[in-house]
Amino acid sequence: MSENVLVVEDEETLRRNLVRYLEQEGHSVRGFESAEDALAAIEEGGLDFGVAVLDLRLPGRDGISLATDLAQRSPDTRVLMMTAYGSIDSVIDALRVGVHDYMLKPVLLKDVARKVGSTWERIEVTSVADVLTPVESGEKSATLTTKQLQDFSVVGRSAAEFIKILPGFSISGTGTQNR
């Protein structure tokens, strides 16, 4: 999965500020004014994004339509939707297409960055879980090197601590098991 962040926002000042702020937070970010511009760049440049921050109302195709396309092209992309026009219907529509979080404008840059960061943490947790594979006993186990365990960060816990708290998971060779 790519560590790139996609920002699609038609308001130029907000888009520019989001891109700059997220870059300062250490993310690799590409910003676009419309869904069409973002999709064209994805198709032409073979770009892949781990997290997408989308405005709901965009010129041309809206954020829900773009989220649907992203889900079909790159199912691992986590979508965060933001809008100044929040309604129950738009929240339901967003959830139906797999949007992971929904923010009402005006947004603070630090809040968007925090949500992007917590989304990356969830992606890392998912990546740890993806390493676990079924074994004959019905348990799940993983053989991870010390370096791999150090590379995973799970909300202030090591990967080993995280896996210990998952029922039915163990780490091969450590002697720790939960049943």
Protein backbone atom coordinates (compact mmCIF):
# COMPACT_ATOMS: atom_id res chain seq x y z
CA MET A 1 0.00 0.00 0.00
CA SER A 2 1.21 3.46 -0.88
CA GLU A 3 2.07 6.01 1.77
CA ASN A 4 0.85 8.89 -0.40
CA VAL A 5 -2.01 11.17 0.63
CA LEU A 6 -4.50 12.49 -1.93
CA VAL A 7 -6.28 15.80 -1.26
CA VAL A 8 -9.18 16.78 -3.52
CA GLU A 9 -10.62 20.18 -2.58
CA ASP A 10 -11.97 22.83 -4.94
CA GLU A 11 -11.30 25.74 -2.58
CA GLU A 12 -7.74 26.68 -3.56
CA THR A 13 -6.63 28.20 -0.25
CA LEU A 14 -7.81 25.24 1.81
CA ARG A 15 -6.31 22.74 -0.67
CA ARG A 16 -2.94 24.51 -0.67
CA ASN A 17 -2.90 24.79 3.12
CA LEU A 18 -3.88 21.14 3.62
CA VAL A 19 -1.17 19.94 1.23
CA ARG A 20 1.47 22.11 2.87
CA TYR A 21 0.45 21.19 6.43
CA LEU A 22 0.31 17.45 5.72
CA GLU A 23 3.72 17.65 4.02
CA GLN A 24 5.11 19.38 7.11
CA GLU A 25 3.71 16.47 9.13
CA GLY A 26 5.83 14.12 7.01
CA HIS A 27 3.30 12.89 4.46
CA SER A 28 3.81 12.73 0.70
CA VAL A 29 0.80 14.68 -0.62
CA ARG A 30 -0.77 15.49 -3.99
CA GLY A 31 -3.59 18.03 -4.22
CA PHE A 32 -6.21 18.39 -6.96
CA GLU A 33 -9.10 20.77 -7.61
CA SER A 34 -11.56 18.22 -8.99
CA ALA A 35 -12.33 14.51 -9.07
CA GLU A 36 -11.59 14.47 -12.78
CA ASP A 37 -8.12 15.99 -12.29
CA ALA A 38 -7.32 13.48 -9.54
CA LEU A 39 -8.50 10.48 -11.57
CA ALA A 40 -6.61 11.64 -14.67
CA ALA A 41 -3.39 11.93 -12.64
CA ILE A 42 -3.97 8.51 -11.07
CA GLU A 43 -4.53 6.91 -14.49
CA GLU A 44 -1.74 8.73 -16.33
CA GLY A 45 0.88 8.58 -13.60
CA GLY A 46 -0.01 5.27 -12.04
CA LEU A 47 -0.36 7.05 -8.70
CA ASP A 48 -1.53 5.12 -5.67
CA PHE A 49 -2.75 6.64 -2.42
CA GLY A 50 -3.07 5.09 1.04
CA VAL A 51 -5.28 7.91 2.35
CA ALA A 52 -7.56 10.28 0.43
CA VAL A 53 -9.03 13.48 1.89
CA LEU A 54 -11.98 14.47 -0.28
CA ASP A 55 -14.42 17.36 -0.31
CA LEU A 56 -18.01 16.18 -0.69
CA ARG A 57 -19.06 18.95 -3.07
CA LEU A 58 -16.72 19.35 -6.00
CA PRO A 59 -17.16 20.82 -9.49
CA GLY A 60 -18.25 18.04 -11.85
CA ARG A 61 -18.22 14.73 -10.03
CA ASP A 62 -18.72 14.87 -6.27
CA GLY A 63 -16.64 13.32 -3.50
CA ILE A 64 -18.99 10.32 -3.11
CA SER A 65 -18.51 9.45 -6.78
CA LEU A 66 -14.74 9.83 -6.43
CA ALA A 67 -14.72 7.68 -3.27
CA THR A 68 -16.62 4.98 -5.19
CA ASP A 69 -14.04 5.07 -8.02
CA LEU A 70 -11.15 4.95 -5.55
CA ALA A 71 -12.71 1.95 -3.79
CA GLN A 72 -12.93 0.09 -7.11
CA ARG A 73 -9.41 1.03 -8.27
CA SER A 74 -7.62 0.76 -4.96
CA PRO A 75 -9.69 -0.98 -2.26
CA ASP A 76 -6.98 -0.37 0.36
CA THR A 77 -7.24 3.43 0.08
CA ARG A 78 -8.83 4.92 3.21
CA VAL A 79 -11.11 7.86 2.43
CA LEU A 80 -11.76 10.81 4.74
CA MET A 81 -14.65 13.02 3.60
CA MET A 82 -15.09 16.68 4.53
CA THR A 83 -17.96 19.02 3.79
CA ALA A 84 -19.58 22.28 4.77
CA TYR A 85 -22.95 20.82 3.80
CA GLY A 86 -23.33 17.91 6.20
CA SER A 87 -26.59 16.02 6.37
CA ILE A 88 -27.68 12.61 7.56
CA ASP A 89 -28.15 11.56 3.93
CA SER A 90 -24.61 12.57 2.96
CA VAL A 91 -23.18 10.70 5.97
CA ILE A 92 -25.16 7.57 5.03
CA ASP A 93 -24.06 7.86 1.39
CA ALA A 94 -20.44 8.25 2.49
CA LEU A 95 -20.63 5.21 4.77
CA ARG A 96 -22.23 3.13 2.01
CA VAL A 97 -19.25 3.68 -0.29
CA GLY A 98 -16.73 2.91 2.46
CA VAL A 99 -15.66 6.35 3.69
CA HIS A 100 -13.67 5.88 6.91
CA ASP A 101 -14.24 9.27 8.50
CA TYR A 102 -16.43 12.32 7.95
CA MET A 103 -15.51 15.89 8.92
CA LEU A 104 -17.62 19.04 8.94
CA LYS A 105 -16.06 22.28 7.70
CA PRO A 106 -14.64 24.56 8.76
CA VAL A 107 -11.81 22.16 9.62
CA LEU A 108 -8.63 22.89 11.49
CA LEU A 109 -5.51 21.75 9.65
CA LYS A 110 -4.21 20.04 12.78
CA ASP A 111 -7.48 18.07 13.10
CA VAL A 112 -7.25 16.84 9.50
CA ALA A 113 -3.59 15.92 10.06
CA ARG A 114 -4.55 14.06 13.25
CA LYS A 115 -7.23 12.10 11.39
CA VAL A 116 -4.81 11.28 8.56
CA GLY A 117 -2.26 10.15 11.16
CA SER A 118 -4.77 7.97 13.02
CA THR A 119 -5.86 6.50 9.70
CA TRP A 120 -2.22 5.52 9.04
CA GLU A 121 -2.12 3.90 12.48
CA ARG A 122 -5.20 1.83 11.57
CA ILE A 123 -3.52 0.89 8.28
CA GLU A 124 -0.44 -0.26 10.22
CA VAL A 125 -2.65 -2.32 12.56
CA THR A 126 -4.31 -3.89 9.53
CA SER A 127 -0.86 -4.60 8.09
CA VAL A 128 0.14 -6.42 11.28
CA ALA A 129 -3.06 -8.48 11.12
CA ASP A 130 -2.39 -9.30 7.45
CA VAL A 131 0.90 -10.96 8.48
CA LEU A 132 -1.04 -13.43 10.63
CA THR A 133 -2.04 -16.60 8.78
CA PRO A 134 -4.19 -19.60 9.75
CA VAL A 135 -2.40 -22.74 10.94
CA GLU A 136 -3.67 -26.31 11.41
CA SER A 137 -4.81 -25.87 15.01
CA GLY A 138 -7.17 -23.08 13.99
CA GLU A 139 -4.97 -20.52 15.73
CA LYS A 140 -3.37 -17.71 13.84
CA SER A 141 0.35 -17.21 14.11
CA ALA A 142 3.10 -15.12 12.64
CA THR A 143 6.83 -15.33 12.51
CA LEU A 144 8.11 -11.78 12.74
CA THR A 145 11.65 -10.60 13.15
CA THR A 146 12.54 -8.19 15.93
CA LYS A 147 13.03 -5.49 13.27
CA GLN A 148 9.52 -6.12 11.86
CA LEU A 149 8.02 -5.89 15.35
CA GLN A 150 9.84 -2.59 15.92
CA ASP A 151 8.60 -1.24 12.58
CA PHE A 152 4.96 -1.63 13.60
CA SER A 153 3.59 0.99 15.95
CA VAL A 154 0.15 0.43 17.39
CA VAL A 155 -1.18 3.34 19.43
CA GLY A 156 1.77 3.40 21.82
CA ARG A 157 2.06 -0.40 22.04
CA SER A 158 4.49 -2.73 20.40
CA ALA A 159 3.15 -5.14 17.80
CA ALA A 160 3.85 -8.01 20.19
CA GLU A 161 1.65 -6.44 22.88
CA PHE A 162 -1.06 -5.75 20.33
CA ILE A 163 -1.09 -9.29 19.00
CA LYS A 164 -1.15 -10.72 22.56
CA ILE A 165 -4.46 -8.96 23.19
CA LEU A 166 -6.08 -10.44 20.08
CA PRO A 167 -7.94 -13.63 21.07
CA GLY A 168 -6.71 -16.68 19.17
CA PHE A 169 -3.47 -15.07 17.97
CA SER A 170 0.09 -15.85 18.92
CA ILE A 171 3.57 -15.03 17.70
CA SER A 172 5.53 -18.14 16.74
CA GLY A 173 8.61 -18.78 18.79
CA THR A 174 7.82 -16.40 21.65
CA GLY A 175 5.96 -18.88 23.83
CA THR A 176 3.05 -16.45 24.20
CA GLN A 177 -0.40 -17.67 23.35
CA ASN A 178 -3.94 -16.57 24.01
CA ARG A 179 -6.80 -19.03 23.69
